[in-house]
Amino acid sequence: MTGSDTTLFDKPTTPVAHRNDPLTSYRAGDRAVWSGRVKGQMRLVLLGVQRWVGKTSAELGALLGMSRYDTARRLPALRARGLVRK
């Protein structure tokens, strides 16, 4: 396990739901963040950003075999953890 893995899977500091959403939205968001699929996508996007610096989320998605939307959803979480920047 590398040092970035521990940072990648620390509990997110940003909320997973909007401020006015019901508590159930926060619970569902927490489950989604910690699912294996999301972790795998976050790791894949992080590796893609490191390999292809400066690519857009659409370009990364095409290179990684992911949709542009899934790639764009993972970038803010990686930014919040200080692993990528705009």
N, C-alpha and C. Protein backbone atom coordinates (compact mmCIF):
# COMPACT_ATOMS: atom_id res chain seq x y z
N MET A 1 0.85 -1.18 0.00
CA MET A 1 0.00 0.00 0.00
C MET A 1 0.89 1.24 0.00
N THR A 2 0.62 2.16 -0.88
CA THR A 2 1.41 3.39 -0.94
C THR A 2 0.81 4.44 -0.02
N GLY A 3 1.56 5.52 0.19
CA GLY A 3 1.08 6.59 1.06
C GLY A 3 -0.19 7.24 0.56
N SER A 4 -0.37 7.32 -0.76
CA SER A 4 -1.56 7.96 -1.30
C SER A 4 -2.82 7.13 -1.05
N ASP A 5 -2.68 5.81 -0.88
CA ASP A 5 -3.85 4.97 -0.63
C ASP A 5 -4.52 5.32 0.70
N THR A 6 -3.72 5.60 1.71
CA THR A 6 -4.32 5.93 3.00
C THR A 6 -5.05 7.26 2.91
N THR A 7 -4.52 8.21 2.18
CA THR A 7 -5.19 9.49 1.99
C THR A 7 -6.44 9.32 1.14
N LEU A 8 -6.35 8.49 0.13
CA LEU A 8 -7.46 8.29 -0.79
C LEU A 8 -8.69 7.75 -0.09
N PHE A 9 -8.51 6.88 0.91
CA PHE A 9 -9.64 6.24 1.54
C PHE A 9 -9.96 6.77 2.93
N ASP A 10 -9.36 7.88 3.31
CA ASP A 10 -9.77 8.53 4.56
C ASP A 10 -11.19 9.03 4.39
N LYS A 11 -11.91 9.17 5.48
CA LYS A 11 -13.29 9.67 5.43
C LYS A 11 -13.31 11.05 4.77
N PRO A 12 -14.18 11.29 3.80
CA PRO A 12 -14.21 12.58 3.12
C PRO A 12 -14.58 13.70 4.07
N THR A 13 -13.96 14.84 3.86
CA THR A 13 -14.25 16.00 4.71
C THR A 13 -15.40 16.83 4.14
N THR A 14 -15.68 16.67 2.87
CA THR A 14 -16.78 17.39 2.26
C THR A 14 -18.05 16.56 2.35
N PRO A 15 -19.20 17.20 2.52
CA PRO A 15 -20.45 16.45 2.63
C PRO A 15 -20.76 15.68 1.35
N VAL A 16 -21.44 14.56 1.51
CA VAL A 16 -21.82 13.75 0.35
C VAL A 16 -23.23 14.05 -0.12
N ALA A 17 -23.91 14.97 0.55
CA ALA A 17 -25.26 15.38 0.17
C ALA A 17 -25.36 16.90 0.32
N HIS A 18 -26.41 17.46 -0.21
CA HIS A 18 -26.63 18.90 -0.09
C HIS A 18 -27.13 19.26 1.30
N ARG A 19 -26.90 20.48 1.69
CA ARG A 19 -27.23 20.94 3.04
C ARG A 19 -28.68 20.70 3.43
N ASN A 20 -29.61 20.87 2.51
CA ASN A 20 -31.04 20.74 2.84
C ASN A 20 -31.59 19.33 2.60
N ASP A 21 -30.74 18.41 2.19
CA ASP A 21 -31.19 17.03 1.96
C ASP A 21 -31.51 16.33 3.28
N PRO A 22 -32.41 15.36 3.25
CA PRO A 22 -32.72 14.60 4.47
C PRO A 22 -31.54 13.73 4.89
N LEU A 23 -31.56 13.30 6.11
CA LEU A 23 -30.49 12.46 6.66
C LEU A 23 -30.27 11.20 5.83
N THR A 24 -31.33 10.68 5.26
CA THR A 24 -31.20 9.45 4.46
C THR A 24 -30.28 9.68 3.25
N SER A 25 -30.25 10.89 2.71
CA SER A 25 -29.36 11.18 1.59
C SER A 25 -27.90 11.11 2.02
N TYR A 26 -27.61 11.60 3.22
CA TYR A 26 -26.25 11.53 3.74
C TYR A 26 -25.83 10.07 3.96
N ARG A 27 -26.75 9.27 4.49
CA ARG A 27 -26.44 7.86 4.73
C ARG A 27 -26.18 7.13 3.41
N ALA A 28 -27.02 7.39 2.43
CA ALA A 28 -26.84 6.76 1.12
C ALA A 28 -25.53 7.22 0.49
N GLY A 29 -25.21 8.48 0.63
CA GLY A 29 -23.96 9.00 0.09
C GLY A 29 -22.75 8.36 0.73
N ASP A 30 -22.80 8.16 2.04
CA ASP A 30 -21.69 7.49 2.73
C ASP A 30 -21.52 6.06 2.23
N ARG A 31 -22.61 5.36 2.01
CA ARG A 31 -22.52 3.99 1.50
C ARG A 31 -21.91 3.98 0.10
N ALA A 32 -22.30 4.93 -0.73
CA ALA A 32 -21.78 4.98 -2.10
C ALA A 32 -20.29 5.31 -2.10
N VAL A 33 -19.89 6.23 -1.25
CA VAL A 33 -18.48 6.63 -1.22
C VAL A 33 -17.60 5.47 -0.83
N TRP A 34 -18.08 4.62 0.05
CA TRP A 34 -17.24 3.54 0.55
C TRP A 34 -17.46 2.22 -0.18
N SER A 35 -18.28 2.23 -1.24
CA SER A 35 -18.47 0.99 -2.00
C SER A 35 -17.19 0.68 -2.78
N GLY A 36 -17.00 -0.57 -3.10
CA GLY A 36 -15.82 -0.98 -3.85
C GLY A 36 -15.74 -0.34 -5.22
N ARG A 37 -16.88 -0.14 -5.84
CA ARG A 37 -16.89 0.46 -7.19
C ARG A 37 -16.34 1.86 -7.16
N VAL A 38 -16.76 2.65 -6.19
CA VAL A 38 -16.32 4.04 -6.11
C VAL A 38 -14.83 4.10 -5.79
N LYS A 39 -14.38 3.28 -4.86
CA LYS A 39 -12.96 3.25 -4.52
C LYS A 39 -12.12 2.89 -5.74
N GLY A 40 -12.58 1.90 -6.48
CA GLY A 40 -11.86 1.49 -7.68
C GLY A 40 -11.81 2.59 -8.72
N GLN A 41 -12.93 3.28 -8.90
CA GLN A 41 -12.96 4.39 -9.85
C GLN A 41 -12.04 5.52 -9.41
N MET A 42 -12.03 5.80 -8.10
CA MET A 42 -11.16 6.87 -7.60
C MET A 42 -9.70 6.53 -7.84
N ARG A 43 -9.33 5.30 -7.57
CA ARG A 43 -7.95 4.87 -7.80
C ARG A 43 -7.61 4.97 -9.28
N LEU A 44 -8.51 4.51 -10.14
CA LEU A 44 -8.28 4.54 -11.58
C LEU A 44 -8.14 5.97 -12.10
N VAL A 45 -9.02 6.86 -11.65
CA VAL A 45 -8.94 8.26 -12.08
C VAL A 45 -7.65 8.90 -11.58
N LEU A 46 -7.26 8.61 -10.35
CA LEU A 46 -6.01 9.16 -9.82
C LEU A 46 -4.82 8.70 -10.67
N LEU A 47 -4.78 7.43 -11.00
CA LEU A 47 -3.69 6.93 -11.85
C LEU A 47 -3.73 7.57 -13.24
N GLY A 48 -4.93 7.78 -13.77
CA GLY A 48 -5.07 8.43 -15.07
C GLY A 48 -4.59 9.86 -15.06
N VAL A 49 -4.92 10.59 -14.01
CA VAL A 49 -4.48 11.99 -13.89
C VAL A 49 -2.95 12.05 -13.79
N GLN A 50 -2.37 11.11 -13.04
CA GLN A 50 -0.92 11.09 -12.91
C GLN A 50 -0.23 10.74 -14.22
N ARG A 51 -0.86 9.87 -14.99
CA ARG A 51 -0.25 9.44 -16.26
C ARG A 51 -0.47 10.46 -17.37
N TRP A 52 -1.69 11.00 -17.46
CA TRP A 52 -2.02 11.94 -18.54
C TRP A 52 -2.35 13.31 -17.95
N VAL A 53 -1.36 14.00 -17.51
CA VAL A 53 -1.52 15.31 -16.87
C VAL A 53 -2.15 16.29 -17.86
N GLY A 54 -3.13 17.06 -17.38
CA GLY A 54 -3.75 18.11 -18.18
C GLY A 54 -4.94 17.68 -19.02
N LYS A 55 -5.34 16.43 -18.95
CA LYS A 55 -6.49 15.96 -19.73
C LYS A 55 -7.79 16.38 -19.05
N THR A 56 -8.82 16.57 -19.84
CA THR A 56 -10.15 16.87 -19.31
C THR A 56 -10.78 15.58 -18.79
N SER A 57 -11.89 15.72 -18.08
CA SER A 57 -12.58 14.52 -17.58
C SER A 57 -13.09 13.66 -18.74
N ALA A 58 -13.50 14.29 -19.83
CA ALA A 58 -13.96 13.52 -21.00
C ALA A 58 -12.79 12.75 -21.62
N GLU A 59 -11.65 13.40 -21.74
CA GLU A 59 -10.47 12.73 -22.31
C GLU A 59 -10.00 11.60 -21.39
N LEU A 60 -9.98 11.86 -20.09
CA LEU A 60 -9.59 10.82 -19.14
C LEU A 60 -10.55 9.64 -19.20
N GLY A 61 -11.85 9.95 -19.26
CA GLY A 61 -12.84 8.88 -19.34
C GLY A 61 -12.61 7.99 -20.55
N ALA A 62 -12.34 8.60 -21.69
CA ALA A 62 -12.10 7.82 -22.91
C ALA A 62 -10.84 6.97 -22.77
N LEU A 63 -9.79 7.53 -22.20
CA LEU A 63 -8.53 6.80 -22.02
C LEU A 63 -8.66 5.66 -21.01
N LEU A 64 -9.51 5.86 -19.99
CA LEU A 64 -9.66 4.89 -18.91
C LEU A 64 -10.79 3.88 -19.15
N GLY A 65 -11.58 4.11 -20.19
CA GLY A 65 -12.70 3.22 -20.45
C GLY A 65 -13.87 3.48 -19.51
N MET A 66 -13.98 4.71 -19.02
CA MET A 66 -15.06 5.13 -18.12
C MET A 66 -15.87 6.20 -18.83
N SER A 67 -17.06 6.46 -18.30
CA SER A 67 -17.83 7.57 -18.88
C SER A 67 -17.24 8.88 -18.39
N ARG A 68 -17.45 9.92 -19.14
CA ARG A 68 -16.99 11.25 -18.78
C ARG A 68 -17.62 11.68 -17.46
N TYR A 69 -18.85 11.24 -17.22
CA TYR A 69 -19.58 11.64 -16.02
C TYR A 69 -19.01 10.97 -14.77
N ASP A 70 -18.70 9.68 -14.87
CA ASP A 70 -18.09 8.99 -13.73
C ASP A 70 -16.73 9.60 -13.39
N THR A 71 -15.95 9.91 -14.42
CA THR A 71 -14.65 10.52 -14.20
C THR A 71 -14.82 11.89 -13.53
N ALA A 72 -15.76 12.68 -14.02
CA ALA A 72 -16.00 14.01 -13.46
C ALA A 72 -16.50 13.94 -12.02
N ARG A 73 -17.21 12.88 -11.67
CA ARG A 73 -17.71 12.72 -10.30
C ARG A 73 -16.59 12.39 -9.32
N ARG A 74 -15.55 11.73 -9.77
CA ARG A 74 -14.47 11.31 -8.88
C ARG A 74 -13.44 12.42 -8.66
N LEU A 75 -13.29 13.34 -9.59
CA LEU A 75 -12.27 14.38 -9.48
C LEU A 75 -12.45 15.30 -8.27
N PRO A 76 -13.66 15.77 -7.95
CA PRO A 76 -13.80 16.64 -6.77
C PRO A 76 -13.38 15.97 -5.46
N ALA A 77 -13.66 14.68 -5.33
CA ALA A 77 -13.25 13.96 -4.11
C ALA A 77 -11.73 13.86 -4.04
N LEU A 78 -11.10 13.64 -5.17
CA LEU A 78 -9.64 13.59 -5.20
C LEU A 78 -9.03 14.96 -4.92
N ARG A 79 -9.69 16.00 -5.44
CA ARG A 79 -9.24 17.38 -5.17
C ARG A 79 -9.36 17.70 -3.69
N ALA A 80 -10.48 17.30 -3.08
CA ALA A 80 -10.71 17.58 -1.65
C ALA A 80 -9.66 16.91 -0.78
N ARG A 81 -9.12 15.80 -1.24
CA ARG A 81 -8.09 15.09 -0.48
C ARG A 81 -6.69 15.60 -0.81
N GLY A 82 -6.60 16.57 -1.71
CA GLY A 82 -5.30 17.15 -2.06
C GLY A 82 -4.46 16.27 -2.97
N LEU A 83 -5.09 15.33 -3.66
CA LEU A 83 -4.35 14.40 -4.52
C LEU A 83 -4.25 14.90 -5.96
N VAL A 84 -5.18 15.74 -6.38
CA VAL A 84 -5.14 16.34 -7.72
C VAL A 84 -5.48 17.82 -7.59
N ARG A 85 -5.15 18.56 -8.63
CA ARG A 85 -5.54 19.97 -8.67
C ARG A 85 -5.93 20.34 -10.08
N LYS A 86 -6.67 21.44 -10.18
CA LYS A 86 -7.12 21.88 -11.51
C LYS A 86 -5.96 22.40 -12.31
